[in-house]
Amino acid sequence: MRFVNTLGNLQGPAFTAALDAFAREEYRTGKAGQPGPPQSGQDTVFGELWLLAIARPSLENVEWVVYAITSADDIPGWPHRTGEYTGGPRTATDLAQPYAAAGHQVVLRHYSGFSTGFDAVDVALT
């Protein structure tokens, strides 16, 4: 998990648009969405990206701190042996859940399908 940037007191569509812009930049600079190493007999697997935004309240407003979680860097064994991994956090939700459980305001947004633009969906943290 690595720091991407901060966002000011954005809400609603402006907040989502800012996260989507960060995702485009992550892909453009080759930090996310790249094809995984080839594996004989299997289709090419493209990396996925999750943006984790954690609210940092201040006296006047909220500042969001945004982190990137990528399948290539943060999901052990990707793309070959992810099903065999047994220790520690293994998904972006596993990394984000403790922040939500501790009472922080957290947004986790998943990006995939970078070879054709991207698909994005908010991930529920329950």
Protein backbone atom coordinates (compact mmCIF):
# COMPACT_ATOMS: atom_id res chain seq x y z
CA MET A 1 0.00 0.00 0.00
CA ARG A 2 1.46 3.35 -0.95
CA PHE A 3 0.52 7.00 -0.58
CA VAL A 4 -0.97 8.60 -3.72
CA ASN A 5 -2.18 12.07 -2.79
CA THR A 6 -4.55 14.07 -0.62
CA LEU A 7 -7.96 15.49 -1.45
CA GLY A 8 -9.62 18.49 0.11
CA ASN A 9 -13.14 18.56 1.44
CA LEU A 10 -14.76 16.97 -1.64
CA GLN A 11 -18.08 15.13 -1.59
CA GLY A 12 -20.34 13.20 -3.95
CA PRO A 13 -19.58 13.26 -7.69
CA ALA A 14 -16.57 15.58 -7.29
CA PHE A 15 -14.97 13.14 -4.82
CA THR A 16 -15.59 10.16 -7.13
CA ALA A 17 -14.27 12.10 -10.15
CA ALA A 18 -11.07 12.94 -8.24
CA LEU A 19 -10.50 9.29 -7.34
CA ASP A 20 -11.15 8.26 -10.95
CA ALA A 21 -8.58 10.83 -12.11
CA PHE A 22 -6.04 9.32 -9.70
CA ALA A 23 -6.83 5.86 -11.14
CA ARG A 24 -6.26 7.08 -14.71
CA GLU A 25 -2.91 8.54 -13.66
CA GLU A 26 -1.90 5.31 -11.91
CA TYR A 27 -2.57 3.42 -15.14
CA ARG A 28 -0.96 6.05 -17.38
CA THR A 29 2.26 5.92 -15.37
CA GLY A 30 2.35 2.10 -15.34
CA LYS A 31 1.71 1.74 -11.61
CA ALA A 32 -1.55 -0.23 -12.00
CA GLY A 33 -3.52 -2.21 -14.55
CA GLN A 34 -0.53 -3.70 -16.33
CA PRO A 35 -0.56 -7.30 -17.59
CA GLY A 36 0.77 -9.88 -15.17
CA PRO A 37 3.62 -12.21 -16.02
CA PRO A 38 2.53 -14.80 -18.61
CA GLN A 39 1.45 -18.18 -17.38
CA SER A 40 1.39 -21.08 -19.83
CA GLY A 41 -2.10 -21.99 -21.01
CA GLN A 42 -3.90 -19.13 -19.30
CA ASP A 43 -5.29 -15.83 -20.48
CA THR A 44 -3.35 -12.66 -19.68
CA VAL A 45 -4.32 -11.29 -16.27
CA PHE A 46 -4.38 -7.53 -15.90
CA GLY A 47 -3.55 -5.93 -12.58
CA GLU A 48 -6.24 -4.36 -10.49
CA LEU A 49 -6.21 -1.19 -8.42
CA TRP A 50 -7.99 -0.21 -5.25
CA LEU A 51 -7.90 3.37 -4.00
CA LEU A 52 -8.31 3.63 -0.24
CA ALA A 53 -9.31 7.08 1.00
CA ILE A 54 -9.21 7.73 4.73
CA ALA A 55 -10.69 10.93 6.14
CA ARG A 56 -8.44 13.04 8.31
CA PRO A 57 -10.73 15.53 10.08
CA SER A 58 -9.54 18.98 11.06
CA LEU A 59 -11.24 21.85 12.81
CA GLU A 60 -12.49 23.38 9.55
CA ASN A 61 -13.05 20.49 7.15
CA VAL A 62 -12.05 16.98 6.13
CA GLU A 63 -8.93 16.09 4.18
CA TRP A 64 -8.84 12.71 2.48
CA VAL A 65 -5.57 10.79 2.37
CA VAL A 66 -5.53 8.46 -0.63
CA TYR A 67 -3.52 5.24 -0.85
CA ALA A 68 -3.13 2.82 -3.76
CA ILE A 69 -3.37 -0.93 -3.30
CA THR A 70 -2.46 -2.96 -6.37
CA SER A 71 -2.76 -6.65 -7.06
CA ALA A 72 0.83 -6.76 -8.35
CA ASP A 73 2.36 -5.09 -5.28
CA ASP A 74 0.04 -5.94 -2.39
CA ILE A 75 -1.74 -9.24 -3.09
CA PRO A 76 0.67 -12.09 -2.29
CA GLY A 77 1.36 -14.52 -5.13
CA TRP A 78 -0.58 -12.59 -7.79
CA PRO A 79 -1.44 -13.78 -10.43
CA HIS A 80 -0.17 -17.33 -9.98
CA ARG A 81 -0.69 -18.56 -6.43
CA THR A 82 -3.13 -16.24 -4.69
CA GLY A 83 -5.33 -19.17 -3.67
CA GLU A 84 -2.44 -20.84 -1.83
CA TYR A 85 -1.54 -17.87 0.40
CA THR A 86 -2.47 -18.41 4.05
CA GLY A 87 -0.82 -15.65 6.11
CA GLY A 88 -1.71 -12.04 6.82
CA PRO A 89 -3.88 -9.64 4.80
CA ARG A 90 -4.57 -10.88 1.29
CA THR A 91 -7.13 -8.50 -0.17
CA ALA A 92 -7.65 -4.75 -0.32
CA THR A 93 -10.70 -5.19 1.91
CA ASP A 94 -8.50 -6.92 4.49
CA LEU A 95 -6.23 -3.87 4.47
CA ALA A 96 -9.07 -1.32 4.66
CA GLN A 97 -11.35 -3.06 7.17
CA PRO A 98 -9.31 -2.27 10.32
CA TYR A 99 -9.55 1.48 9.60
CA ALA A 100 -13.33 1.28 9.24
CA ALA A 101 -13.62 -0.91 12.34
CA ALA A 102 -11.63 1.67 14.32
CA GLY A 103 -14.22 4.32 13.43
CA HIS A 104 -12.43 6.13 10.62
CA GLN A 105 -14.38 7.39 7.63
CA VAL A 106 -13.10 5.15 4.82
CA VAL A 107 -13.85 4.80 1.10
CA LEU A 108 -12.48 1.85 -0.88
CA ARG A 109 -12.93 1.98 -4.67
CA HIS A 110 -11.95 -0.91 -6.96
CA TYR A 111 -10.70 -0.42 -10.53
CA SER A 112 -10.26 -3.14 -13.13
CA GLY A 113 -10.47 -3.64 -16.90
CA PHE A 114 -7.77 -1.09 -17.65
CA SER A 115 -7.07 -2.55 -21.09
CA THR A 116 -10.37 -1.02 -22.28
CA GLY A 117 -10.59 2.13 -20.11
CA PHE A 118 -11.59 0.96 -16.63
CA ASP A 119 -14.47 -0.33 -14.56
CA ALA A 120 -14.95 1.16 -11.10
CA VAL A 121 -17.07 0.14 -8.13
CA ASP A 122 -17.21 1.19 -4.49
CA VAL A 123 -16.44 -1.66 -2.08
CA ALA A 124 -18.62 -2.00 1.00
CA LEU A 125 -16.71 -2.36 4.26
CA THR A 126 -18.90 -4.23 6.71
